[in-house]
PDB file of N, CA and C in Angstrom:
ATOM      1  N   MET A   1       8.016  -4.828  -4.671  1.00  0.00           N
ATOM      2  CA  MET A   1       8.755  -4.234  -3.578  1.00  0.00           C
ATOM      3  C   MET A   1       9.561  -5.281  -2.811  1.00  0.00           C
ATOM      4  N   ARG A   2       9.027  -6.496  -2.791  1.00  0.00           N
ATOM      5  CA  ARG A   2       9.751  -7.551  -2.065  1.00  0.00           C
ATOM      6  C   ARG A   2      11.157  -7.726  -2.606  1.00  0.00           C
ATOM      7  N   ASN A   3      11.317  -7.553  -3.917  1.00  0.00           N
ATOM      8  CA  ASN A   3      12.619  -7.784  -4.543  1.00  0.00           C
ATOM      9  C   ASN A   3      13.667  -6.751  -4.157  1.00  0.00           C
ATOM     10  N   ILE A   4      13.235  -5.549  -3.776  1.00  0.00           N
ATOM     11  CA  ILE A   4      14.208  -4.513  -3.422  1.00  0.00           C
ATOM     12  C   ILE A   4      14.297  -4.292  -1.919  1.00  0.00           C
ATOM     13  N   GLU A   5      13.587  -5.092  -1.167  1.00  0.00           N
ATOM     14  CA  GLU A   5      13.611  -4.933   0.287  1.00  0.00           C
ATOM     15  C   GLU A   5      15.023  -5.008   0.867  1.00  0.00           C
ATOM     16  N   PRO A   6      15.885  -5.934   0.406  1.00  0.00           N
ATOM     17  CA  PRO A   6      17.249  -5.958   0.952  1.00  0.00           C
ATOM     18  C   PRO A   6      18.023  -4.652   0.703  1.00  0.00           C
ATOM     19  N   GLN A   7      17.852  -4.064  -0.481  1.00  0.00           N
ATOM     20  CA  GLN A   7      18.535  -2.804  -0.769  1.00  0.00           C
ATOM     21  C   GLN A   7      17.987  -1.670   0.091  1.00  0.00           C
ATOM     22  N   LEU A   8      16.678  -1.647   0.297  1.00  0.00           N
ATOM     23  CA  LEU A   8      16.092  -0.626   1.164  1.00  0.00           C
ATOM     24  C   LEU A   8      16.613  -0.787   2.585  1.00  0.00           C
ATOM     25  N   ASP A   9      16.755  -2.031   3.039  1.00  0.00           N
ATOM     26  CA  ASP A   9      17.346  -2.296   4.358  1.00  0.00           C
ATOM     27  C   ASP A   9      18.757  -1.724   4.438  1.00  0.00           C
ATOM     28  N   GLU A  10      19.547  -1.944   3.398  1.00  0.00           N
ATOM     29  CA  GLU A  10      20.923  -1.432   3.371  1.00  0.00           C
ATOM     30  C   GLU A  10      20.951   0.089   3.458  1.00  0.00           C
ATOM     31  N   PHE A  11      19.958   0.740   2.869  1.00  0.00           N
ATOM     32  CA  PHE A  11      19.867   2.198   2.922  1.00  0.00           C
ATOM     33  C   PHE A  11      19.350   2.688   4.273  1.00  0.00           C
ATOM     34  N   GLY A  12      18.924   1.762   5.121  1.00  0.00           N
ATOM     35  CA  GLY A  12      18.423   2.132   6.441  1.00  0.00           C
ATOM     36  C   GLY A  12      16.927   2.363   6.496  1.00  0.00           C
ATOM     37  N   PHE A  13      16.195   1.916   5.477  1.00  0.00           N
ATOM     38  CA  PHE A  13      14.747   2.089   5.452  1.00  0.00           C
ATOM     39  C   PHE A  13      14.051   0.793   5.848  1.00  0.00           C
ATOM     40  N   GLN A  14      12.930   0.937   6.511  1.00  0.00           N
ATOM     41  CA  GLN A  14      12.086  -0.209   6.841  1.00  0.00           C
ATOM     42  C   GLN A  14      10.879  -0.167   5.915  1.00  0.00           C
ATOM     43  N   LEU A  15      10.561  -1.293   5.292  1.00  0.00           N
ATOM     44  CA  LEU A  15       9.408  -1.369   4.406  1.00  0.00           C
ATOM     45  C   LEU A  15       8.160  -1.633   5.243  1.00  0.00           C
ATOM     46  N   ILE A  16       7.211  -0.699   5.189  1.00  0.00           N
ATOM     47  CA  ILE A  16       5.934  -0.838   5.888  1.00  0.00           C
ATOM     48  C   ILE A  16       4.843  -0.736   4.835  1.00  0.00           C
ATOM     49  N   MET A  17       4.040  -1.771   4.739  1.00  0.00           N
ATOM     50  CA  MET A  17       2.960  -1.798   3.760  1.00  0.00           C
ATOM     51  C   MET A  17       1.631  -1.686   4.499  1.00  0.00           C
ATOM     52  N   ILE A  18       0.747  -0.864   3.983  1.00  0.00           N
ATOM     53  CA  ILE A  18      -0.569  -0.676   4.587  1.00  0.00           C
ATOM     54  C   ILE A  18      -1.603  -1.089   3.547  1.00  0.00           C
ATOM     55  N   ALA A  19      -2.478  -2.010   3.929  1.00  0.00           N
ATOM     56  CA  ALA A  19      -3.470  -2.548   2.996  1.00  0.00           C
ATOM     57  C   ALA A  19      -4.879  -2.375   3.557  1.00  0.00           C
ATOM     58  N   PRO A  20      -5.889  -2.313   2.683  1.00  0.00           N
ATOM     59  CA  PRO A  20      -7.256  -2.082   3.134  1.00  0.00           C
ATOM     60  C   PRO A  20      -7.969  -3.327   3.665  1.00  0.00           C
ATOM     61  N   ASP A  21      -7.264  -4.425   3.767  1.00  0.00           N
ATOM     62  CA  ASP A  21      -7.881  -5.673   4.219  1.00  0.00           C
ATOM     63  C   ASP A  21      -7.848  -5.800   5.738  1.00  0.00           C
ATOM     64  N   ARG A  22      -8.778  -6.593   6.256  1.00  0.00           N
ATOM     65  CA  ARG A  22      -8.802  -6.865   7.697  1.00  0.00           C
ATOM     66  C   ARG A  22      -7.611  -7.762   8.051  1.00  0.00           C
ATOM     67  N   PRO A  23      -7.208  -7.796   9.317  1.00  0.00           N
ATOM     68  CA  PRO A  23      -6.010  -8.554   9.710  1.00  0.00           C
ATOM     69  C   PRO A  23      -6.007 -10.021   9.286  1.00  0.00           C
ATOM     70  N   ALA A  24      -7.124 -10.722   9.390  1.00  0.00           N
ATOM     71  CA  ALA A  24      -7.154 -12.141   9.014  1.00  0.00           C
ATOM     72  C   ALA A  24      -6.831 -12.320   7.532  1.00  0.00           C
ATOM     73  N   LYS A  25      -7.339 -11.429   6.695  1.00  0.00           N
ATOM     74  CA  LYS A  25      -7.051 -11.483   5.259  1.00  0.00           C
ATOM     75  C   LYS A  25      -5.578 -11.186   4.994  1.00  0.00           C
ATOM     76  N   LEU A  26      -5.039 -10.227   5.733  1.00  0.00           N
ATOM     77  CA  LEU A  26      -3.633  -9.869   5.554  1.00  0.00           C
ATOM     78  C   LEU A  26      -2.712 -11.013   5.934  1.00  0.00           C
ATOM     79  N   ARG A  27      -3.091 -11.762   6.932  1.00  0.00           N
ATOM     80  CA  ARG A  27      -2.271 -12.902   7.354  1.00  0.00           C
ATOM     81  C   ARG A  27      -2.094 -13.867   6.179  1.00  0.00           C
ATOM     82  N   GLU A  28      -3.174 -14.110   5.445  1.00  0.00           N
ATOM     83  CA  GLU A  28      -3.098 -14.975   4.261  1.00  0.00           C
ATOM     84  C   GLU A  28      -2.115 -14.402   3.237  1.00  0.00           C
ATOM     85  N   THR A  29      -2.200 -13.116   2.984  1.00  0.00           N
ATOM     86  CA  THR A  29      -1.313 -12.453   2.030  1.00  0.00           C
ATOM     87  C   THR A  29       0.132 -12.522   2.502  1.00  0.00           C
ATOM     88  N   TYR A  30       0.335 -12.243   3.778  1.00  0.00           N
ATOM     89  CA  TYR A  30       1.683 -12.243   4.361  1.00  0.00           C
ATOM     90  C   TYR A  30       2.326 -13.613   4.201  1.00  0.00           C
ATOM     91  N   GLU A  31       1.562 -14.652   4.498  1.00  0.00           N
ATOM     92  CA  GLU A  31       2.092 -16.010   4.397  1.00  0.00           C
ATOM     93  C   GLU A  31       2.310 -16.425   2.944  1.00  0.00           C
ATOM     94  N   LYS A  32       1.448 -15.990   2.054  1.00  0.00           N
ATOM     95  CA  LYS A  32       1.569 -16.349   0.638  1.00  0.00           C
ATOM     96  C   LYS A  32       2.810 -15.728  -0.001  1.00  0.00           C
ATOM     97  N   TYR A  33       3.062 -14.444   0.305  1.00  0.00           N
ATOM     98  CA  TYR A  33       4.145 -13.727  -0.366  1.00  0.00           C
ATOM     99  C   TYR A  33       5.420 -13.612   0.464  1.00  0.00           C
ATOM    100  N   LYS A  34       5.401 -14.069   1.698  1.00  0.00           N
ATOM    101  CA  LYS A  34       6.598 -14.094   2.552  1.00  0.00           C
ATOM    102  C   LYS A  34       7.248 -12.716   2.700  1.00  0.00           C
ATOM    103  N   PHE A  35       6.448 -11.715   3.001  1.00  0.00           N
ATOM    104  CA  PHE A  35       6.989 -10.378   3.226  1.00  0.00           C
ATOM    105  C   PHE A  35       7.935 -10.384   4.417  1.00  0.00           C
ATOM    106  N   ARG A  36       9.000  -9.633   4.316  1.00  0.00           N
ATOM    107  CA  ARG A  36       9.880  -9.428   5.462  1.00  0.00           C
ATOM    108  C   ARG A  36       9.497  -8.145   6.181  1.00  0.00           C
ATOM    109  N   GLY A  37       8.910  -7.221   5.458  1.00  0.00           N
ATOM    110  CA  GLY A  37       8.532  -5.941   6.039  1.00  0.00           C
ATOM    111  C   GLY A  37       7.282  -6.070   6.888  1.00  0.00           C
ATOM    112  N   LEU A  38       6.842  -4.945   7.378  1.00  0.00           N
ATOM    113  CA  LEU A  38       5.668  -4.876   8.236  1.00  0.00           C
ATOM    114  C   LEU A  38       4.433  -4.651   7.365  1.00  0.00           C
ATOM    115  N   LEU A  39       3.421  -5.484   7.530  1.00  0.00           N
ATOM    116  CA  LEU A  39       2.180  -5.376   6.767  1.00  0.00           C
ATOM    117  C   LEU A  39       1.062  -5.037   7.743  1.00  0.00           C
ATOM    118  N   LEU A  40       0.482  -3.849   7.579  1.00  0.00           N
ATOM    119  CA  LEU A  40      -0.530  -3.351   8.508  1.00  0.00           C
ATOM    120  C   LEU A  40      -1.903  -3.272   7.852  1.00  0.00           C
ATOM    121  N   SER A  41      -2.926  -3.488   8.663  1.00  0.00           N
ATOM    122  CA  SER A  41      -4.305  -3.404   8.199  1.00  0.00           C
ATOM    123  C   SER A  41      -4.844  -1.985   8.367  1.00  0.00           C
ATOM    124  N   ASP A  42      -5.500  -1.505   7.322  1.00  0.00           N
ATOM    125  CA  ASP A  42      -6.196  -0.218   7.370  1.00  0.00           C
ATOM    126  C   ASP A  42      -7.626  -0.434   6.878  1.00  0.00           C
ATOM    127  N   ALA A  43      -8.294  -1.423   7.472  1.00  0.00           N
ATOM    128  CA  ALA A  43      -9.635  -1.809   7.025  1.00  0.00           C
ATOM    129  C   ALA A  43     -10.629  -0.656   7.097  1.00  0.00           C
ATOM    130  N   ARG A  44     -10.463   0.236   8.041  1.00  0.00           N
ATOM    131  CA  ARG A  44     -11.388   1.381   8.156  1.00  0.00           C
ATOM    132  C   ARG A  44     -10.943   2.570   7.312  1.00  0.00           C
ATOM    133  N   MET A  45      -9.804   2.426   6.643  1.00  0.00           N
ATOM    134  CA  MET A  45      -9.273   3.432   5.717  1.00  0.00           C
ATOM    135  C   MET A  45      -8.822   4.724   6.402  1.00  0.00           C
ATOM    136  N   ALA A  46      -8.545   4.687   7.684  1.00  0.00           N
ATOM    137  CA  ALA A  46      -8.108   5.889   8.402  1.00  0.00           C
ATOM    138  C   ALA A  46      -6.759   6.384   7.888  1.00  0.00           C
ATOM    139  N   ALA A  47      -5.808   5.478   7.695  1.00  0.00           N
ATOM    140  CA  ALA A  47      -4.488   5.886   7.196  1.00  0.00           C
ATOM    141  C   ALA A  47      -4.597   6.399   5.765  1.00  0.00           C
ATOM    142  N   ALA A  48      -5.333   5.691   4.921  1.00  0.00           N
ATOM    143  CA  ALA A  48      -5.495   6.118   3.529  1.00  0.00           C
ATOM    144  C   ALA A  48      -6.131   7.507   3.460  1.00  0.00           C
ATOM    145  N   GLN A  49      -7.109   7.755   4.315  1.00  0.00           N
ATOM    146  CA  GLN A  49      -7.734   9.077   4.341  1.00  0.00           C
ATOM    147  C   GLN A  49      -6.752  10.133   4.841  1.00  0.00           C
ATOM    148  N   ALA A  50      -5.965   9.797   5.861  1.00  0.00           N
ATOM    149  CA  ALA A  50      -4.988  10.747   6.394  1.00  0.00           C
ATOM    150  C   ALA A  50      -3.924  11.090   5.350  1.00  0.00           C
ATOM    151  N   PHE A  51      -3.522  10.094   4.562  1.00  0.00           N
ATOM    152  CA  PHE A  51      -2.542  10.327   3.503  1.00  0.00           C
ATOM    153  C   PHE A  51      -3.193  10.866   2.231  1.00  0.00           C
ATOM    154  N   ARG A  52      -4.507  11.002   2.256  1.00  0.00           N
ATOM    155  CA  ARG A  52      -5.293  11.527   1.134  1.00  0.00           C
ATOM    156  C   ARG A  52      -5.157  10.687  -0.132  1.00  0.00           C
ATOM    157  N   VAL A  53      -5.170   9.365   0.062  1.00  0.00           N
ATOM    158  CA  VAL A  53      -5.110   8.463  -1.088  1.00  0.00           C
ATOM    159  C   VAL A  53      -6.340   7.554  -1.160  1.00  0.00           C
ATOM    160  N   ALA A  54      -7.340   7.791  -0.314  1.00  0.00           N
ATOM    161  CA  ALA A  54      -8.562   6.976  -0.322  1.00  0.00           C
ATOM    162  C   ALA A  54      -9.518   7.497  -1.395  1.00  0.00           C
ATOM    163  N   TYR A  55     -10.214   6.563  -2.024  1.00  0.00           N
ATOM    164  CA  TYR A  55     -11.259   6.975  -2.960  1.00  0.00           C
ATOM    165  C   TYR A  55     -12.454   6.044  -2.827  1.00  0.00           C
ATOM    166  N   GLN A  56     -13.610   6.566  -3.190  1.00  0.00           N
ATOM    167  CA  GLN A  56     -14.859   5.822  -3.134  1.00  0.00           C
ATOM    168  C   GLN A  56     -15.010   5.005  -4.415  1.00  0.00           C
ATOM    169  N   VAL A  57     -15.252   3.717  -4.277  1.00  0.00           N
ATOM    170  CA  VAL A  57     -15.438   2.845  -5.435  1.00  0.00           C
ATOM    171  C   VAL A  57     -16.880   2.987  -5.919  1.00  0.00           C
ATOM    172  N   ASP A  58     -17.049   3.282  -7.208  1.00  0.00           N
ATOM    173  CA  ASP A  58     -18.405   3.465  -7.742  1.00  0.00           C
ATOM    174  C   ASP A  58     -19.085   2.113  -7.965  1.00  0.00           C
ATOM    175  N   GLU A  59     -20.396   2.155  -8.186  1.00  0.00           N
ATOM    176  CA  GLU A  59     -21.201   0.930  -8.323  1.00  0.00           C
ATOM    177  C   GLU A  59     -20.753   0.054  -9.494  1.00  0.00           C
ATOM    178  N   ASP A  60     -20.419   0.668 -10.626  1.00  0.00           N
ATOM    179  CA  ASP A  60     -19.965  -0.119 -11.780  1.00  0.00           C
ATOM    180  C   ASP A  60     -18.682  -0.882 -11.456  1.00  0.00           C
ATOM    181  N   THR A  61     -17.767  -0.217 -10.772  1.00  0.00           N
ATOM    182  CA  THR A  61     -16.508  -0.872 -10.402  1.00  0.00           C
ATOM    183  C   THR A  61     -16.755  -1.970  -9.382  1.00  0.00           C
ATOM    184  N   LEU A  62     -17.675  -1.735  -8.446  1.00  0.00           N
ATOM    185  CA  LEU A  62     -18.021  -2.779  -7.471  1.00  0.00           C
ATOM    186  C   LEU A  62     -18.543  -4.027  -8.179  1.00  0.00           C
ATOM    187  N   LYS A  63     -19.397  -3.826  -9.179  1.00  0.00           N
ATOM    188  CA  LYS A  63     -19.923  -4.963  -9.947  1.00  0.00           C
ATOM    189  C   LYS A  63     -18.802  -5.686 -10.686  1.00  0.00           C
ATOM    190  N   GLN A  64     -17.897  -4.911 -11.275  1.00  0.00           N
ATOM    191  CA  GLN A  64     -16.775  -5.510 -12.000  1.00  0.00           C
ATOM    192  C   GLN A  64     -15.870  -6.292 -11.041  1.00  0.00           C
ATOM    193  N   LEU A  65     -15.581  -5.726  -9.884  1.00  0.00           N
ATOM    194  CA  LEU A  65     -14.769  -6.433  -8.889  1.00  0.00           C
ATOM    195  C   LEU A  65     -15.447  -7.728  -8.466  1.00  0.00           C
ATOM    196  N   ASP A  66     -16.766  -7.663  -8.295  1.00  0.00           N
ATOM    197  CA  ASP A  66     -17.525  -8.854  -7.920  1.00  0.00           C
ATOM    198  C   ASP A  66     -17.387  -9.946  -8.988  1.00  0.00           C
ATOM    199  N   GLU A  67     -17.414  -9.540 -10.256  1.00  0.00           N
ATOM    200  CA  GLU A  67     -17.239 -10.500 -11.354  1.00  0.00           C
ATOM    201  C   GLU A  67     -15.858 -11.153 -11.311  1.00  0.00           C
ATOM    202  N   TYR A  68     -14.870 -10.420 -10.802  1.00  0.00           N
ATOM    203  CA  TYR A  68     -13.505 -10.957 -10.664  1.00  0.00           C
ATOM    204  C   TYR A  68     -13.337 -11.747  -9.367  1.00  0.00           C
ATOM    205  N   GLY A  69     -14.401 -11.823  -8.577  1.00  0.00           N
ATOM    206  CA  GLY A  69     -14.320 -12.557  -7.316  1.00  0.00           C
ATOM    207  C   GLY A  69     -13.756 -11.752  -6.163  1.00  0.00           C
ATOM    208  N   VAL A  70     -13.741 -10.430  -6.304  1.00  0.00           N
ATOM    209  CA  VAL A  70     -13.233  -9.557  -5.246  1.00  0.00           C
ATOM    210  C   VAL A  70     -14.417  -8.967  -4.493  1.00  0.00           C
ATOM    211  N   ASP A  71     -14.512  -9.275  -3.214  1.00  0.00           N
ATOM    212  CA  ASP A  71     -15.582  -8.773  -2.359  1.00  0.00           C
ATOM    213  C   ASP A  71     -14.962  -7.804  -1.355  1.00  0.00           C
ATOM    214  N   LEU A  72     -15.113  -6.508  -1.617  1.00  0.00           N
ATOM    215  CA  LEU A  72     -14.498  -5.505  -0.749  1.00  0.00           C
ATOM    216  C   LEU A  72     -14.996  -5.589   0.686  1.00  0.00           C
ATOM    217  N   GLU A  73     -16.283  -5.850   0.860  1.00  0.00           N
ATOM    218  CA  GLU A  73     -16.827  -5.943   2.217  1.00  0.00           C
ATOM    219  C   GLU A  73     -16.241  -7.132   2.963  1.00  0.00           C
ATOM    220  N   GLU A  74     -16.093  -8.253   2.280  1.00  0.00           N
ATOM    221  CA  GLU A  74     -15.525  -9.436   2.925  1.00  0.00           C
ATOM    222  C   GLU A  74     -14.044  -9.212   3.237  1.00  0.00           C
ATOM    223  N   ALA A  75     -13.327  -8.584   2.313  1.00  0.00           N
ATOM    224  CA  ALA A  75     -11.890  -8.364   2.500  1.00  0.00           C
ATOM    225  C   ALA A  75     -11.605  -7.401   3.642  1.00  0.00           C
ATOM    226  N   SER A  76     -12.379  -6.323   3.723  1.00  0.00           N
ATOM    227  CA  SER A  76     -12.112  -5.308   4.748  1.00  0.00           C
ATOM    228  C   SER A  76     -12.927  -5.509   6.018  1.00  0.00           C
ATOM    229  N   GLY A  77     -14.055  -6.207   5.888  1.00  0.00           N
ATOM    230  CA  GLY A  77     -14.953  -6.315   7.033  1.00  0.00           C
ATOM    231  C   GLY A  77     -15.760  -5.045   7.241  1.00  0.00           C
ATOM    232  N   GLU A  78     -15.721  -4.150   6.274  1.00  0.00           N
ATOM    233  CA  GLU A  78     -16.404  -2.851   6.363  1.00  0.00           C
ATOM    234  C   GLU A  78     -17.319  -2.671   5.149  1.00  0.00           C
ATOM    235  N   LYS A  79     -18.226  -1.693   5.239  1.00  0.00           N
ATOM    236  CA  LYS A  79     -19.170  -1.427   4.152  1.00  0.00           C
ATOM    237  C   LYS A  79     -18.906  -0.083   3.462  1.00  0.00           C
ATOM    238  N   HIS A  80     -17.742   0.485   3.662  1.00  0.00           N
ATOM    239  CA  HIS A  80     -17.449   1.818   3.127  1.00  0.00           C
ATOM    240  C   HIS A  80     -17.148   1.841   1.629  1.00  0.00           C
ATOM    241  N   HIS A  81     -16.808   0.704   1.032  1.00  0.00           N
ATOM    242  CA  HIS A  81     -16.502   0.605  -0.400  1.00  0.00           C
ATOM    243  C   HIS A  81     -15.439   1.607  -0.836  1.00  0.00           C
ATOM    244  N   GLN A  82     -14.370   1.673  -0.064  1.00  0.00           N
ATOM    245  CA  GLN A  82     -13.245   2.538  -0.399  1.00  0.00           C
ATOM    246  C   GLN A  82     -12.003   1.689  -0.649  1.00  0.00           C
ATOM    247  N   LEU A  83     -11.125   2.228  -1.460  1.00  0.00           N
ATOM    248  CA  LEU A  83      -9.813   1.636  -1.702  1.00  0.00           C
ATOM    249  C   LEU A  83      -8.778   2.752  -1.683  1.00  0.00           C
ATOM    250  N   PRO A  84      -7.531   2.412  -1.428  1.00  0.00           N
ATOM    251  CA  PRO A  84      -6.483   3.427  -1.532  1.00  0.00           C
ATOM    252  C   PRO A  84      -5.883   3.434  -2.937  1.00  0.00           C
ATOM    253  N   VAL A  85      -5.505   4.599  -3.398  1.00  0.00           N
ATOM    254  CA  VAL A  85      -4.686   4.695  -4.598  1.00  0.00           C
ATOM    255  C   VAL A  85      -3.325   4.119  -4.208  1.00  0.00           C
ATOM    256  N   PRO A  86      -2.739   3.248  -5.030  1.00  0.00           N
ATOM    257  CA  PRO A  86      -1.406   2.743  -4.685  1.00  0.00           C
ATOM    258  C   PRO A  86      -0.428   3.912  -4.525  1.00  0.00           C
ATOM    259  N   ALA A  87       0.279   3.929  -3.426  1.00  0.00           N
ATOM    260  CA  ALA A  87       1.165   5.052  -3.120  1.00  0.00           C
ATOM    261  C   ALA A  87       2.403   4.564  -2.380  1.00  0.00           C
ATOM    262  N   VAL A  88       3.468   5.347  -2.493  1.00  0.00           N
ATOM    263  CA  VAL A  88       4.715   5.084  -1.779  1.00  0.00           C
ATOM    264  C   VAL A  88       5.129   6.383  -1.108  1.00  0.00           C
ATOM    265  N   PHE A  89       5.501   6.285   0.155  1.00  0.00           N
ATOM    266  CA  PHE A  89       6.008   7.427   0.900  1.00  0.00           C
ATOM    267  C   PHE A  89       7.342   7.049   1.516  1.00  0.00           C
ATOM    268  N   ILE A  90       8.308   7.938   1.426  1.00  0.00           N
ATOM    269  CA  ILE A  90       9.558   7.767   2.158  1.00  0.00           C
ATOM    270  C   ILE A  90       9.522   8.785   3.280  1.00  0.00           C
ATOM    271  N   VAL A  91       9.574   8.269   4.497  1.00  0.00           N
ATOM    272  CA  VAL A  91       9.473   9.107   5.689  1.00  0.00           C
ATOM    273  C   VAL A  91      10.826   9.119   6.382  1.00  0.00           C
ATOM    274  N   GLY A  92      11.321  10.304   6.672  1.00  0.00           N
ATOM    275  CA  GLY A  92      12.608  10.442   7.349  1.00  0.00           C
ATOM    276  C   GLY A  92      12.498  10.124   8.824  1.00  0.00           C
ATOM    277  N   PRO A  93      13.636  10.050   9.505  1.00  0.00           N
ATOM    278  CA  PRO A  93      13.644   9.704  10.932  1.00  0.00           C
ATOM    279  C   PRO A  93      12.887  10.706  11.803  1.00  0.00           C
ATOM    280  N   GLU A  94      12.698  11.926  11.284  1.00  0.00           N
ATOM    281  CA  GLU A  94      11.957  12.944  12.040  1.00  0.00           C
ATOM    282  C   GLU A  94      10.452  12.815  11.843  1.00  0.00           C
ATOM    283  N   GLY A  95      10.029  11.849  11.007  1.00  0.00           N
ATOM    284  CA  GLY A  95       8.610  11.662  10.738  1.00  0.00           C
ATOM    285  C   GLY A  95       8.086  12.551   9.627  1.00  0.00           C
ATOM    286  N   ILE A  96       8.969  13.189   8.888  1.00  0.00           N
ATOM    287  CA  ILE A  96       8.580  14.081   7.795  1.00  0.00           C
ATOM    288  C   ILE A  96       8.662  13.319   6.473  1.00  0.00           C
ATOM    289  N   ILE A  97       7.609  13.442   5.674  1.00  0.00           N
ATOM    290  CA  ILE A  97       7.590  12.780   4.366  1.00  0.00           C
ATOM    291  C   ILE A  97       8.623  13.451   3.464  1.00  0.00           C
ATOM    292  N   GLN A  98       9.585  12.665   3.004  1.00  0.00           N
ATOM    293  CA  GLN A  98      10.655  13.154   2.139  1.00  0.00           C
ATOM    294  C   GLN A  98      10.331  12.952   0.655  1.00  0.00           C
ATOM    295  N   PHE A  99       9.465  11.982   0.373  1.00  0.00           N
ATOM    296  CA  PHE A  99       9.109  11.661  -1.008  1.00  0.00           C
ATOM    297  C   PHE A  99       7.732  11.021  -1.005  1.00  0.00           C
ATOM    298  N   ALA A 100       6.921  11.378  -1.989  1.00  0.00           N
ATOM    299  CA  ALA A 100       5.592  10.773  -2.126  1.00  0.00           C
ATOM    300  C   ALA A 100       5.336  10.472  -3.600  1.00  0.00           C
ATOM    301  N   TYR A 101       4.753   9.318  -3.842  1.00  0.00           N
ATOM    302  CA  TYR A 101       4.361   8.931  -5.197  1.00  0.00           C
ATOM    303  C   TYR A 101       2.989   8.285  -5.109  1.00  0.00           C
ATOM    304  N   ALA A 102       2.072   8.744  -5.927  1.00  0.00           N
ATOM    305  CA  ALA A 102       0.742   8.133  -6.030  1.00  0.00           C
ATOM    306  C   ALA A 102       0.261   8.343  -7.460  1.00  0.00           C
ATOM    307  N   ASN A 103      -0.452   7.354  -7.971  1.00  0.00           N
ATOM    308  CA  ASN A 103      -1.012   7.471  -9.310  1.00  0.00           C
ATOM    309  C   ASN A 103      -2.441   6.943  -9.252  1.00  0.00           C
ATOM    310  N   PRO A 104      -3.420   7.748  -9.660  1.00  0.00           N
ATOM    311  CA  PRO A 104      -4.807   7.290  -9.589  1.00  0.00           C
ATOM    312  C   PRO A 104      -5.102   6.073 -10.458  1.00  0.00           C
ATOM    313  N   ASP A 105      -4.233   5.780 -11.421  1.00  0.00           N
ATOM    314  CA  ASP A 105      -4.387   4.572 -12.231  1.00  0.00           C
ATOM    315  C   ASP A 105      -3.703   3.431 -11.481  1.00  0.00           C
ATOM    316  N   TYR A 106      -4.487   2.530 -10.902  1.00  0.00           N
ATOM    317  CA  TYR A 106      -3.939   1.474 -10.052  1.00  0.00           C
ATOM    318  C   TYR A 106      -2.964   0.557 -10.790  1.00  0.00           C
ATOM    319  N   LYS A 107      -2.988   0.597 -12.121  1.00  0.00           N
ATOM    320  CA  LYS A 107      -2.078  -0.253 -12.899  1.00  0.00           C
ATOM    321  C   LYS A 107      -0.686   0.359 -13.031  1.00  0.00           C
ATOM    322  N   VAL A 108      -0.561   1.644 -12.713  1.00  0.00           N
ATOM    323  CA  VAL A 108       0.721   2.338 -12.831  1.00  0.00           C
ATOM    324  C   VAL A 108       1.321   2.480 -11.436  1.00  0.00           C
ATOM    325  N   ARG A 109       2.421   1.792 -11.227  1.00  0.00           N
ATOM    326  CA  ARG A 109       3.098   1.808  -9.923  1.00  0.00           C
ATOM    327  C   ARG A 109       4.508   2.364 -10.108  1.00  0.00           C
ATOM    328  N   ILE A 110       5.085   2.826  -9.023  1.00  0.00           N
ATOM    329  CA  ILE A 110       6.471   3.271  -9.079  1.00  0.00           C
ATOM    330  C   ILE A 110       7.349   2.058  -9.380  1.00  0.00           C
ATOM    331  N   SER A 111       8.336   2.253 -10.220  1.00  0.00           N
ATOM    332  CA  SER A 111       9.226   1.131 -10.541  1.00  0.00           C
ATOM    333  C   SER A 111      10.201   0.916  -9.386  1.00  0.00           C
ATOM    334  N   PRO A 112      10.618  -0.319  -9.176  1.00  0.00           N
ATOM    335  CA  PRO A 112      11.610  -0.581  -8.130  1.00  0.00           C
ATOM    336  C   PRO A 112      12.889   0.237  -8.343  1.00  0.00           C
ATOM    337  N   GLU A 113      13.281   0.414  -9.598  1.00  0.00           N
ATOM    338  CA  GLU A 113      14.495   1.175  -9.897  1.00  0.00           C
ATOM    339  C   GLU A 113      14.347   2.635  -9.472  1.00  0.00           C
ATOM    340  N   MET A 114      13.184   3.223  -9.760  1.00  0.00           N
ATOM    341  CA  MET A 114      12.971   4.613  -9.370  1.00  0.00           C
ATOM    342  C   MET A 114      12.951   4.743  -7.852  1.00  0.00           C
ATOM    343  N   LEU A 115      12.277   3.821  -7.173  1.00  0.00           N
ATOM    344  CA  LEU A 115      12.212   3.884  -5.717  1.00  0.00           C
ATOM    345  C   LEU A 115      13.602   3.758  -5.109  1.00  0.00           C
ATOM    346  N   LEU A 116      14.418   2.856  -5.622  1.00  0.00           N
ATOM    347  CA  LEU A 116      15.786   2.714  -5.108  1.00  0.00           C
ATOM    348  C   LEU A 116      16.605   3.976  -5.362  1.00  0.00           C
ATOM    349  N   ALA A 117      16.438   4.580  -6.532  1.00  0.00           N
ATOM    350  CA  ALA A 117      17.166   5.815  -6.837  1.00  0.00           C
ATOM    351  C   ALA A 117      16.770   6.927  -5.870  1.00  0.00           C
ATOM    352  N   VAL A 118      15.477   7.071  -5.629  1.00  0.00           N
ATOM    353  CA  VAL A 118      15.003   8.099  -4.701  1.00  0.00           C
ATOM    354  C   VAL A 118      15.478   7.798  -3.283  1.00  0.00           C
ATOM    355  N   ALA A 119      15.361   6.550  -2.868  1.00  0.00           N
ATOM    356  CA  ALA A 119      15.794   6.168  -1.516  1.00  0.00           C
ATOM    357  C   ALA A 119      17.280   6.440  -1.332  1.00  0.00           C
ATOM    358  N   GLY A 120      18.074   6.163  -2.358  1.00  0.00           N
ATOM    359  CA  GLY A 120      19.506   6.435  -2.279  1.00  0.00           C
ATOM    360  C   GLY A 120      19.808   7.911  -2.143  1.00  0.00           C
ATOM    361  N   THR A 121      19.002   8.749  -2.788  1.00  0.00           N
ATOM    362  CA  THR A 121      19.181  10.196  -2.700  1.00  0.00           C
ATOM    363  C   THR A 121      18.706  10.733  -1.355  1.00  0.00           C
ATOM    364  N   VAL A 122      17.573  10.267  -0.892  1.00  0.00           N
ATOM    365  CA  VAL A 122      16.978  10.760   0.359  1.00  0.00           C
ATOM    366  C   VAL A 122      17.838  10.406   1.564  1.00  0.00           C
ATOM    367  N   ARG A 123      18.475   9.256   1.542  1.00  0.00           N
ATOM    368  CA  ARG A 123      19.239   8.814   2.713  1.00  0.00           C
ATOM    369  C   ARG A 123      20.489   9.639   2.953  1.00  0.00           C
ATOM    370  N   LYS A 124      20.945  10.386   1.944  1.00  0.00           N
ATOM    371  CA  LYS A 124      22.195  11.156   2.074  1.00  0.00           C
ATOM    372  C   LYS A 124      22.020  12.393   2.906  1.00  0.00           C
TER     373      LYS A 124
END
């Protein structure tokens, strides 16, 4: 998304990213990747639940994440063991969702080209 941020700006959109990590963890991410957009913490998963993209991580997946060095409790500061499905929403100036994309397979994300095409259509 960082690569298309300038084009989204030209279309009049602001990139807002919401992540399940606590603010201190997000600061590390923000500094590492040099985001220009707004990066918000949703450690308690309230936004993910409101957007209906939160899911409960099962025990097998927790063990696998641990093997990869990912500690959900340390990252979020919470014990809920939830993650959001990767999702993109385009929200109009009236606060109404104009476009939504989510895929339960975390490896499948919207392509930058598709997002730009949709953003170009929605802005008209």
